[in-house]
N, C-alpha and C. Protein backbone atom coordinates (compact mmCIF):
# COMPACT_ATOMS: atom_id res chain seq x y z
N MET A 1 0.85 -1.17 0.00
CA MET A 1 0.00 0.00 0.00
C MET A 1 0.90 1.24 0.00
N ILE A 2 0.55 2.21 -0.81
CA ILE A 2 1.34 3.43 -0.94
C ILE A 2 0.60 4.59 -0.26
N PHE A 3 1.35 5.32 0.59
CA PHE A 3 0.82 6.52 1.23
C PHE A 3 1.63 7.71 0.75
N ILE A 4 0.95 8.79 0.48
CA ILE A 4 1.63 10.02 0.09
C ILE A 4 1.47 11.01 1.23
N PHE A 5 2.60 11.33 1.88
CA PHE A 5 2.62 12.28 2.98
C PHE A 5 3.19 13.60 2.51
N GLY A 6 2.82 14.66 3.19
CA GLY A 6 3.37 15.96 2.87
C GLY A 6 3.29 16.90 4.05
N TYR A 7 3.86 18.06 3.88
CA TYR A 7 3.87 19.09 4.91
C TYR A 7 3.81 20.42 4.20
N HIS A 8 2.73 21.17 4.41
CA HIS A 8 2.62 22.45 3.73
C HIS A 8 1.79 23.43 4.54
N PRO A 9 1.98 24.73 4.28
CA PRO A 9 1.22 25.75 5.00
C PRO A 9 -0.07 26.13 4.27
N ILE A 10 -1.03 26.59 5.05
CA ILE A 10 -2.24 27.20 4.51
C ILE A 10 -2.30 28.60 5.12
N THR A 11 -2.38 29.61 4.25
CA THR A 11 -2.36 31.00 4.68
C THR A 11 -3.76 31.58 4.61
N LYS A 12 -4.13 32.32 5.66
CA LYS A 12 -5.41 33.01 5.68
C LYS A 12 -5.15 34.48 5.99
N ILE A 13 -5.60 35.36 5.10
CA ILE A 13 -5.47 36.80 5.30
C ILE A 13 -6.79 37.30 5.90
N GLU A 14 -6.70 37.95 7.06
CA GLU A 14 -7.89 38.43 7.76
C GLU A 14 -8.40 39.75 7.20
N GLY A 15 -7.48 40.65 6.84
CA GLY A 15 -7.90 41.94 6.32
C GLY A 15 -6.86 43.01 6.61
N PRO A 16 -7.13 44.23 6.16
CA PRO A 16 -6.17 45.32 6.36
C PRO A 16 -6.17 45.83 7.80
N VAL A 17 -4.99 46.18 8.27
CA VAL A 17 -4.85 46.79 9.60
C VAL A 17 -4.24 48.17 9.43
N GLU A 18 -3.38 48.58 10.33
CA GLU A 18 -2.88 49.95 10.30
C GLU A 18 -1.96 50.22 9.11
N GLU A 19 -1.88 51.49 8.79
CA GLU A 19 -1.04 51.95 7.68
C GLU A 19 0.31 52.37 8.24
N HIS A 20 1.38 51.84 7.65
CA HIS A 20 2.71 52.32 7.99
C HIS A 20 3.69 51.99 6.88
N GLU A 21 4.88 52.54 7.00
CA GLU A 21 5.89 52.38 5.96
C GLU A 21 6.61 51.04 6.10
N CYS A 22 6.77 50.37 5.00
CA CYS A 22 7.47 49.08 4.97
C CYS A 22 8.97 49.32 5.07
N PRO A 23 9.66 48.60 5.96
CA PRO A 23 11.12 48.78 6.05
C PRO A 23 11.86 48.18 4.85
N ASN A 24 11.17 47.36 4.07
CA ASN A 24 11.81 46.72 2.93
C ASN A 24 11.66 47.53 1.64
N CYS A 25 10.41 47.89 1.28
CA CYS A 25 10.17 48.59 0.01
C CYS A 25 9.89 50.08 0.19
N HIS A 26 9.72 50.53 1.43
CA HIS A 26 9.52 51.94 1.78
C HIS A 26 8.21 52.53 1.24
N ASN A 27 7.24 51.68 0.91
CA ASN A 27 5.90 52.16 0.54
C ASN A 27 5.06 52.28 1.80
N THR A 28 4.15 53.23 1.81
CA THR A 28 3.24 53.40 2.94
C THR A 28 1.86 52.92 2.50
N LYS A 29 1.45 51.80 3.04
CA LYS A 29 0.16 51.18 2.72
C LYS A 29 -0.44 50.57 3.98
N HIS A 30 -1.70 50.17 3.89
CA HIS A 30 -2.32 49.41 4.98
C HIS A 30 -1.81 47.97 4.90
N TRP A 31 -1.15 47.53 5.96
CA TRP A 31 -0.63 46.17 6.00
C TRP A 31 -1.78 45.20 6.24
N LEU A 32 -1.59 43.96 5.84
CA LEU A 32 -2.60 42.92 5.98
C LEU A 32 -2.26 42.01 7.16
N LEU A 33 -3.30 41.62 7.88
CA LEU A 33 -3.14 40.71 9.00
C LEU A 33 -3.39 39.30 8.51
N GLY A 34 -2.52 38.37 8.89
CA GLY A 34 -2.71 37.01 8.42
C GLY A 34 -2.13 35.99 9.37
N LYS A 35 -2.47 34.74 9.08
CA LYS A 35 -1.87 33.64 9.83
C LYS A 35 -1.60 32.49 8.87
N MET A 36 -0.53 31.77 9.16
CA MET A 36 -0.13 30.64 8.34
C MET A 36 -0.04 29.41 9.24
N THR A 37 -0.84 28.41 8.93
CA THR A 37 -0.85 27.18 9.70
C THR A 37 -0.24 26.07 8.86
N TYR A 38 0.74 25.38 9.43
CA TYR A 38 1.42 24.28 8.74
C TYR A 38 0.73 22.97 9.11
N TYR A 39 0.48 22.15 8.09
CA TYR A 39 -0.23 20.88 8.27
C TYR A 39 0.59 19.71 7.75
N ILE A 40 0.43 18.58 8.43
CA ILE A 40 0.87 17.31 7.87
C ILE A 40 -0.32 16.80 7.07
N ASN A 41 -0.07 16.42 5.82
CA ASN A 41 -1.18 15.96 5.01
C ASN A 41 -0.92 14.55 4.48
N VAL A 42 -2.02 13.87 4.23
CA VAL A 42 -1.99 12.53 3.65
C VAL A 42 -2.85 12.58 2.40
N PHE A 43 -2.29 12.15 1.30
CA PHE A 43 -2.97 12.22 0.00
C PHE A 43 -3.46 13.64 -0.28
N PHE A 44 -2.63 14.62 0.04
CA PHE A 44 -2.87 16.04 -0.23
C PHE A 44 -4.04 16.63 0.57
N ILE A 45 -4.46 15.93 1.62
CA ILE A 45 -5.52 16.43 2.51
C ILE A 45 -4.87 16.85 3.82
N PRO A 46 -4.99 18.14 4.19
CA PRO A 46 -4.39 18.59 5.45
C PRO A 46 -5.11 17.95 6.64
N LEU A 47 -4.35 17.28 7.50
CA LEU A 47 -4.96 16.56 8.62
C LEU A 47 -4.55 17.10 9.99
N ILE A 48 -3.25 17.26 10.20
CA ILE A 48 -2.76 17.59 11.54
C ILE A 48 -2.04 18.93 11.50
N PRO A 49 -2.59 19.96 12.18
CA PRO A 49 -1.85 21.23 12.25
C PRO A 49 -0.66 21.07 13.20
N THR A 50 0.49 21.56 12.78
CA THR A 50 1.69 21.41 13.60
C THR A 50 2.14 22.71 14.23
N ARG A 51 1.99 23.82 13.52
CA ARG A 51 2.35 25.12 14.10
C ARG A 51 1.63 26.22 13.33
N THR A 52 1.52 27.38 13.99
CA THR A 52 0.85 28.53 13.39
C THR A 52 1.70 29.77 13.58
N GLU A 53 1.85 30.53 12.52
CA GLU A 53 2.54 31.82 12.57
C GLU A 53 1.52 32.93 12.37
N HIS A 54 1.62 33.98 13.16
CA HIS A 54 0.76 35.15 13.03
C HIS A 54 1.64 36.30 12.54
N PHE A 55 1.12 37.10 11.61
CA PHE A 55 1.97 38.12 11.02
C PHE A 55 1.15 39.27 10.44
N LYS A 56 1.87 40.35 10.18
CA LYS A 56 1.37 41.46 9.37
C LYS A 56 2.26 41.46 8.13
N ILE A 57 1.65 41.71 6.97
CA ILE A 57 2.40 41.60 5.72
C ILE A 57 2.18 42.84 4.86
N CYS A 58 3.26 43.29 4.24
CA CYS A 58 3.19 44.42 3.32
C CYS A 58 2.49 43.96 2.04
N PRO A 59 1.46 44.68 1.59
CA PRO A 59 0.74 44.23 0.39
C PRO A 59 1.53 44.45 -0.90
N ILE A 60 2.60 45.23 -0.85
CA ILE A 60 3.39 45.51 -2.05
C ILE A 60 4.48 44.46 -2.26
N CYS A 61 5.37 44.31 -1.27
CA CYS A 61 6.53 43.42 -1.45
C CYS A 61 6.41 42.11 -0.68
N LYS A 62 5.33 41.94 0.10
CA LYS A 62 5.07 40.72 0.88
C LYS A 62 6.06 40.51 2.03
N PHE A 63 6.68 41.59 2.51
CA PHE A 63 7.55 41.52 3.68
C PHE A 63 6.70 41.19 4.89
N LYS A 64 7.10 40.16 5.67
CA LYS A 64 6.32 39.73 6.82
C LYS A 64 6.95 40.21 8.12
N ASN A 65 6.07 40.63 9.03
CA ASN A 65 6.48 41.01 10.37
C ASN A 65 5.69 40.12 11.32
N GLU A 66 6.37 39.16 11.97
CA GLU A 66 5.66 38.23 12.85
C GLU A 66 5.20 38.94 14.11
N ILE A 67 4.02 38.54 14.59
CA ILE A 67 3.44 39.10 15.81
C ILE A 67 3.01 37.95 16.72
N THR A 68 2.71 38.28 17.97
CA THR A 68 2.29 37.25 18.91
C THR A 68 0.82 36.89 18.69
N ARG A 69 0.42 35.79 19.26
CA ARG A 69 -0.97 35.35 19.16
C ARG A 69 -1.91 36.37 19.81
N GLU A 70 -1.47 36.96 20.92
CA GLU A 70 -2.29 37.96 21.61
C GLU A 70 -2.48 39.20 20.74
N ASP A 71 -1.40 39.68 20.12
CA ASP A 71 -1.50 40.83 19.23
C ASP A 71 -2.39 40.51 18.03
N PHE A 72 -2.31 39.28 17.56
CA PHE A 72 -3.15 38.86 16.43
C PHE A 72 -4.63 38.92 16.80
N SER A 73 -4.97 38.41 17.97
CA SER A 73 -6.39 38.39 18.36
C SER A 73 -6.93 39.80 18.57
N ILE A 74 -6.09 40.71 19.04
CA ILE A 74 -6.51 42.11 19.19
C ILE A 74 -6.71 42.75 17.82
N ALA A 75 -5.77 42.52 16.92
CA ALA A 75 -5.82 43.14 15.60
C ALA A 75 -6.87 42.51 14.69
N LYS A 76 -7.31 41.29 14.99
CA LYS A 76 -8.26 40.60 14.12
C LYS A 76 -9.60 41.34 14.05
N ASP A 77 -10.09 41.84 15.18
CA ASP A 77 -11.35 42.59 15.17
C ASP A 77 -11.22 43.86 14.33
N PHE A 78 -10.08 44.53 14.46
CA PHE A 78 -9.83 45.74 13.68
C PHE A 78 -9.76 45.41 12.18
N ALA A 79 -9.11 44.31 11.84
CA ALA A 79 -9.01 43.90 10.44
C ALA A 79 -10.38 43.55 9.87
N ASN A 80 -11.20 42.88 10.66
CA ASN A 80 -12.55 42.54 10.19
C ASN A 80 -13.40 43.79 9.98
N LEU A 81 -13.26 44.78 10.87
CA LEU A 81 -13.97 46.04 10.69
C LEU A 81 -13.51 46.75 9.42
N ASN A 82 -12.21 46.79 9.20
CA ASN A 82 -11.69 47.44 7.99
C ASN A 82 -12.14 46.71 6.72
N LYS A 83 -12.13 45.39 6.77
CA LYS A 83 -12.57 44.61 5.61
C LYS A 83 -14.04 44.88 5.31
N GLU A 84 -14.85 44.95 6.36
CA GLU A 84 -16.27 45.24 6.17
C GLU A 84 -16.48 46.64 5.63
N ALA A 85 -15.68 47.59 6.11
CA ALA A 85 -15.81 48.98 5.63
C ALA A 85 -15.43 49.09 4.16
N VAL A 86 -14.46 48.33 3.73
CA VAL A 86 -14.03 48.37 2.33
C VAL A 86 -15.06 47.73 1.42
N HIS A 87 -15.65 46.63 1.86
CA HIS A 87 -16.55 45.86 1.00
C HIS A 87 -18.03 46.22 1.15
N SER A 88 -18.34 47.22 1.96
CA SER A 88 -19.74 47.63 2.09
C SER A 88 -19.82 49.15 1.98
N ASP A 89 -21.01 49.67 2.05
CA ASP A 89 -21.17 51.12 1.96
C ASP A 89 -21.32 51.72 3.36
N MET A 90 -20.37 51.40 4.24
CA MET A 90 -20.37 51.90 5.61
C MET A 90 -20.01 53.39 5.60
N THR A 91 -20.78 54.17 6.34
CA THR A 91 -20.50 55.60 6.41
C THR A 91 -19.32 55.85 7.35
N GLU A 92 -18.75 57.03 7.22
CA GLU A 92 -17.63 57.42 8.08
C GLU A 92 -18.05 57.46 9.55
N GLN A 93 -19.27 57.94 9.82
CA GLN A 93 -19.76 58.01 11.19
C GLN A 93 -19.95 56.62 11.79
N GLU A 94 -20.48 55.71 10.99
CA GLU A 94 -20.67 54.34 11.48
C GLU A 94 -19.32 53.67 11.75
N TYR A 95 -18.36 53.90 10.86
CA TYR A 95 -17.02 53.34 11.05
C TYR A 95 -16.40 53.86 12.34
N GLU A 96 -16.48 55.17 12.57
CA GLU A 96 -15.91 55.77 13.78
C GLU A 96 -16.59 55.22 15.03
N LYS A 97 -17.91 55.05 14.97
CA LYS A 97 -18.66 54.52 16.11
C LYS A 97 -18.21 53.10 16.44
N ARG A 98 -18.08 52.27 15.42
CA ARG A 98 -17.67 50.88 15.65
C ARG A 98 -16.20 50.79 16.06
N LEU A 99 -15.39 51.72 15.58
CA LEU A 99 -13.99 51.76 15.99
C LEU A 99 -13.87 52.10 17.47
N LYS A 100 -14.69 53.04 17.95
CA LYS A 100 -14.70 53.37 19.37
C LYS A 100 -15.14 52.18 20.21
N GLN A 101 -16.09 51.40 19.71
CA GLN A 101 -16.54 50.21 20.43
C GLN A 101 -15.41 49.19 20.57
N LEU A 102 -14.55 49.10 19.58
CA LEU A 102 -13.42 48.17 19.65
C LEU A 102 -12.41 48.59 20.71
N HIS A 103 -12.24 49.89 20.89
CA HIS A 103 -11.24 50.38 21.83
C HIS A 103 -11.73 50.40 23.27
N THR A 104 -13.00 50.11 23.49
CA THR A 104 -13.51 50.10 24.87
C THR A 104 -13.62 48.70 25.42
């Protein structure tokens, strides 16, 4: 019987977070929040997660800045709010109101 094993990451981008200058490409853009989970797979099906990296990434040059799990969970709500604001017709007042709710 033949088994095909592998090890590969699956990346999930949560959304845009704060805007700052990239130390690599020197562009000022909203960085993206993401996480990369590495899996052991059998027959190309991811089965067992082995480790997870949390990061912010430059959307221009893909420079990654790793962050802690705690910082990721704090920034995730902010990224989801920004993603919703970009993909919907949220007003500036509604955005500011929801942003204040996140900080309290």
